[in-house]
Amino acid sequence: MEERLIKKEEINMTISYKGSSFQKLQHFLRKLYCYLRWRPVFFHFGRNSVLEKPRGVVKPAAISIGDNVLIKDGARLEAVGNFDGKAPLMIIGNDTMIQFDFHCGAALAVTIGSNVVIGQGVWITDHDHDYAYPILSVRQNSKTLKCSPVVIEDGAYIGEGSVILRGVRIGKRSVIGANAVVTKDVPPFTIVVGVPARVIKNIEQVSQSDKTK
């Protein structure tokens, strides 16, 4: 089957806002509102960032959001761990774009780099329940959590519906396919898919194959 590249502006998917002066004013006022609304309560809330109608924000003082970040409707940002006021539990880097219904839970540390794209319905967590006493129910075991930091490096793409579990590092410019469940580290410049996620391609190899066509 023939493939061809389509410029994003052809399908109106660019992040930059183009339109009438009134539309530009609306866009500016939305950013200003978000800055004034969220800056006082977050650990850091960067300039030109937008957090649209979150479904829930737990302990915003432990969450840092960089500059030029877009987080669309329905997000749940939950910093559930102990916070000493010095270092945020959840960090979202500059120029990152997150689609609808994002859910992130940080009990220890979740770090999302710069220029990351996260699709709709993605779940990222650095913790799960400790089943130290199998005879007890999940609810009875719920007082203890197993926690390991999660890191998503710069330029990664997290596909729609993906799940990133505790202790995972996703390498620079890697791609996580839609609905993948990532249980272990993903090397930089690789594409992973499936449940559990597995490497299917190296992005550098893909680029080389494109050059030979």
Protein backbone atom coordinates (compact mmCIF):
# COMPACT_ATOMS: atom_id res chain seq x y z
CA MET A 1 0.00 0.00 0.00
CA GLU A 2 1.32 3.44 -0.90
CA GLU A 3 2.29 5.82 1.92
CA ARG A 4 2.66 9.56 1.76
CA LEU A 5 3.46 12.29 4.27
CA ILE A 6 0.83 14.96 4.93
CA LYS A 7 1.75 18.27 6.52
CA LYS A 8 -0.14 18.86 9.77
CA GLU A 9 -1.41 22.24 8.64
CA GLU A 10 -3.26 20.48 5.82
CA ILE A 11 -5.49 18.71 8.34
CA ASN A 12 -5.70 21.57 10.83
CA MET A 13 -3.89 19.79 13.68
CA THR A 14 -1.32 22.43 14.50
CA ILE A 15 -1.10 23.62 18.10
CA SER A 16 -0.49 27.22 17.04
CA TYR A 17 -3.74 29.13 16.83
CA LYS A 18 -4.65 30.76 13.53
CA GLY A 19 -7.86 32.65 12.97
CA SER A 20 -9.61 35.97 13.30
CA SER A 21 -8.48 38.66 15.74
CA PHE A 22 -11.46 37.80 17.95
CA GLN A 23 -10.45 34.12 18.07
CA LYS A 24 -6.88 35.06 18.91
CA LEU A 25 -8.16 37.27 21.71
CA GLN A 26 -10.26 34.39 23.04
CA HIS A 27 -7.21 32.14 23.00
CA PHE A 28 -5.11 34.74 24.82
CA LEU A 29 -7.80 35.27 27.47
CA ARG A 30 -8.08 31.51 28.03
CA LYS A 31 -4.34 31.30 28.71
CA LEU A 32 -4.47 34.33 30.98
CA TYR A 33 -7.42 32.88 32.92
CA CYS A 34 -5.61 29.55 33.41
CA TYR A 35 -2.46 31.30 34.60
CA LEU A 36 -4.35 33.42 37.13
CA ARG A 37 -6.57 30.51 38.20
CA TRP A 38 -3.92 27.83 38.62
CA ARG A 39 -0.63 29.63 39.33
CA PRO A 40 -1.43 30.32 43.02
CA VAL A 41 -2.31 26.68 43.82
CA PHE A 42 0.23 24.65 41.80
CA PHE A 43 3.88 24.17 42.75
CA HIS A 44 4.54 25.81 39.37
CA PHE A 45 2.21 26.70 36.51
CA GLY A 46 4.05 28.00 33.44
CA ARG A 47 3.25 30.81 31.07
CA ASN A 48 0.95 30.17 28.09
CA SER A 49 -0.18 26.86 29.62
CA VAL A 50 -3.81 25.71 29.56
CA LEU A 51 -5.54 23.25 31.89
CA GLU A 52 -9.07 22.79 30.56
CA LYS A 53 -11.83 21.70 32.97
CA PRO A 54 -10.01 18.96 34.93
CA ARG A 55 -12.11 16.18 36.42
CA GLY A 56 -10.00 16.30 39.55
CA VAL A 57 -6.76 17.77 40.90
CA VAL A 58 -5.37 16.26 44.12
CA LYS A 59 -2.70 18.21 45.99
CA PRO A 60 -1.86 20.74 43.23
CA ALA A 61 0.89 22.20 45.44
CA ALA A 62 2.87 19.04 44.62
CA ILE A 63 2.39 19.35 40.83
CA SER A 64 4.59 21.37 38.45
CA ILE A 65 3.44 22.27 34.93
CA GLY A 66 5.87 23.92 32.50
CA ASP A 67 5.42 26.60 29.84
CA ASN A 68 3.23 26.19 26.73
CA VAL A 69 1.54 23.03 28.05
CA LEU A 70 -1.95 22.04 26.89
CA ILE A 71 -4.01 19.62 29.00
CA LYS A 72 -7.49 19.06 27.57
CA ASP A 73 -10.79 18.38 29.36
CA GLY A 74 -11.33 15.58 31.84
CA ALA A 75 -7.82 15.27 33.29
CA ARG A 76 -7.22 13.72 36.72
CA LEU A 77 -3.93 14.91 38.21
CA GLU A 78 -3.44 13.15 41.54
CA ALA A 79 -0.39 13.72 43.73
CA VAL A 80 -1.24 11.24 46.47
CA GLY A 81 2.13 10.84 48.25
CA ASN A 82 3.70 12.73 51.11
CA PHE A 83 4.85 16.18 50.00
CA ASP A 84 7.61 18.04 51.85
CA GLY A 85 7.13 21.29 49.93
CA LYS A 86 10.56 21.09 48.30
CA ALA A 87 10.24 18.91 45.19
CA PRO A 88 7.00 18.26 43.27
CA LEU A 89 5.71 14.70 42.99
CA MET A 90 4.47 15.26 39.42
CA ILE A 91 6.32 17.25 36.75
CA ILE A 92 5.06 18.02 33.24
CA GLY A 93 7.68 19.66 31.03
CA ASN A 94 7.49 22.55 28.57
CA ASP A 95 5.58 22.31 25.27
CA THR A 96 3.84 19.06 26.16
CA MET A 97 0.34 18.36 24.81
CA ILE A 98 -2.08 16.03 26.58
CA GLN A 99 -5.43 14.98 25.13
CA PHE A 100 -8.78 14.37 26.83
CA ASP A 101 -9.35 12.19 29.93
CA PHE A 102 -5.72 11.91 31.01
CA HIS A 103 -5.16 10.24 34.39
CA CYS A 104 -1.87 10.49 36.28
CA GLY A 105 -1.23 9.31 39.82
CA ALA A 106 2.01 10.18 41.64
CA ALA A 107 2.78 8.77 45.09
CA LEU A 108 6.56 9.04 44.68
CA ALA A 109 7.58 10.71 41.40
CA VAL A 110 6.19 11.00 37.87
CA THR A 111 8.28 13.08 35.46
CA ILE A 112 7.00 13.87 31.96
CA GLY A 113 9.57 15.62 29.78
CA SER A 114 9.29 18.42 27.23
CA ASN A 115 7.64 18.16 23.80
CA VAL A 116 5.79 15.00 24.80
CA VAL A 117 2.46 14.16 23.13
CA ILE A 118 -0.02 12.08 25.13
CA GLY A 119 -3.17 10.70 23.51
CA GLN A 120 -6.69 10.49 24.88
CA GLY A 121 -7.46 8.25 27.86
CA VAL A 122 -3.85 7.55 28.89
CA TRP A 123 -3.17 6.37 32.44
CA ILE A 124 0.24 6.87 34.09
CA THR A 125 0.92 5.65 37.63
CA ASP A 126 3.99 5.21 39.82
CA HIS A 127 2.23 2.98 42.36
CA ASP A 128 -0.01 -0.01 42.87
CA HIS A 129 -1.44 -1.91 45.82
CA ASP A 130 0.76 -4.06 48.02
CA TYR A 131 -0.64 -7.58 48.35
CA ALA A 132 1.61 -8.54 51.26
CA TYR A 133 -1.29 -10.35 52.89
CA PRO A 134 -3.03 -12.40 50.15
CA ILE A 135 -5.68 -13.56 52.57
CA LEU A 136 -6.98 -9.98 52.82
CA SER A 137 -9.09 -8.20 50.23
CA VAL A 138 -7.77 -5.39 48.04
CA ARG A 139 -9.53 -2.86 50.23
CA GLN A 140 -8.00 -4.28 53.40
CA ASN A 141 -4.53 -4.19 51.80
CA SER A 142 -4.99 -0.64 50.55
CA LYS A 143 -3.06 1.08 53.36
CA THR A 144 0.27 0.16 51.71
CA LEU A 145 1.37 1.08 48.18
CA LYS A 146 4.31 -0.20 46.13
CA CYS A 147 5.96 2.83 44.50
CA SER A 148 8.64 3.27 41.83
CA PRO A 149 9.36 6.48 39.85
CA VAL A 150 8.11 6.89 36.29
CA VAL A 151 10.05 8.95 33.74
CA ILE A 152 8.90 9.87 30.23
CA GLU A 153 11.78 11.48 28.36
CA ASP A 154 11.61 14.40 25.93
CA GLY A 155 9.81 14.00 22.63
CA ALA A 156 8.05 10.73 23.42
CA TYR A 157 4.63 9.93 21.94
CA ILE A 158 2.14 8.03 24.10
CA GLY A 159 -0.71 6.60 22.04
CA GLU A 160 -4.39 6.71 22.93
CA GLY A 161 -5.56 4.44 25.74
CA SER A 162 -2.05 3.41 26.82
CA VAL A 163 -1.17 2.45 30.39
CA ILE A 164 2.26 3.26 31.86
CA LEU A 165 2.92 1.33 35.07
CA ARG A 166 5.25 1.99 38.00
CA GLY A 167 9.01 1.90 37.63
CA VAL A 168 9.00 2.50 33.86
CA ARG A 169 11.32 4.83 31.94
CA ILE A 170 10.21 5.69 28.41
CA GLY A 171 13.16 6.80 26.32
CA LYS A 172 13.60 9.91 24.24
CA ARG A 173 11.50 10.09 21.02
CA SER A 174 10.03 6.63 21.61
CA VAL A 175 6.49 5.80 20.48
CA ILE A 176 3.95 3.85 22.54
CA GLY A 177 1.23 2.33 20.37
CA ALA A 178 -2.46 2.80 21.18
CA ASN A 179 -3.79 0.69 24.08
CA ALA A 180 -0.35 -0.67 24.97
CA VAL A 181 0.38 -1.63 28.59
CA VAL A 182 3.97 -0.68 29.39
CA THR A 183 5.45 -2.75 32.24
CA LYS A 184 9.19 -2.26 31.63
CA ASP A 185 11.63 0.33 30.28
CA VAL A 186 11.36 1.43 26.65
CA PRO A 187 14.69 2.31 24.96
CA PRO A 188 15.03 5.66 23.19
CA PHE A 189 13.99 5.86 19.52
CA THR A 190 11.89 2.68 19.56
CA ILE A 191 8.27 1.79 18.82
CA VAL A 192 6.41 -0.53 21.20
CA VAL A 193 2.92 -2.05 20.98
CA GLY A 194 0.81 -4.65 22.70
CA VAL A 195 -0.04 -6.08 26.12
CA PRO A 196 2.49 -6.20 27.60
CA ALA A 197 4.26 -3.71 25.32
CA ARG A 198 7.12 -5.07 23.18
CA VAL A 199 9.54 -3.44 20.77
CA ILE A 200 8.58 -3.84 17.12
CA LYS A 201 10.76 -1.22 15.40
CA ASN A 202 13.66 1.12 15.86
CA ILE A 203 12.83 4.66 14.74
CA GLU A 204 16.35 5.23 13.37
CA GLN A 205 15.96 2.08 11.26
CA VAL A 206 12.59 3.30 10.01
CA SER A 207 14.17 6.61 8.98
CA GLN A 208 16.94 4.80 7.12
CA SER A 209 14.42 2.62 5.26
CA ASP A 210 12.49 5.76 4.23
CA LYS A 211 15.67 7.22 2.73
CA THR A 212 16.16 4.13 0.53
CA LYS A 213 12.68 4.33 -1.01
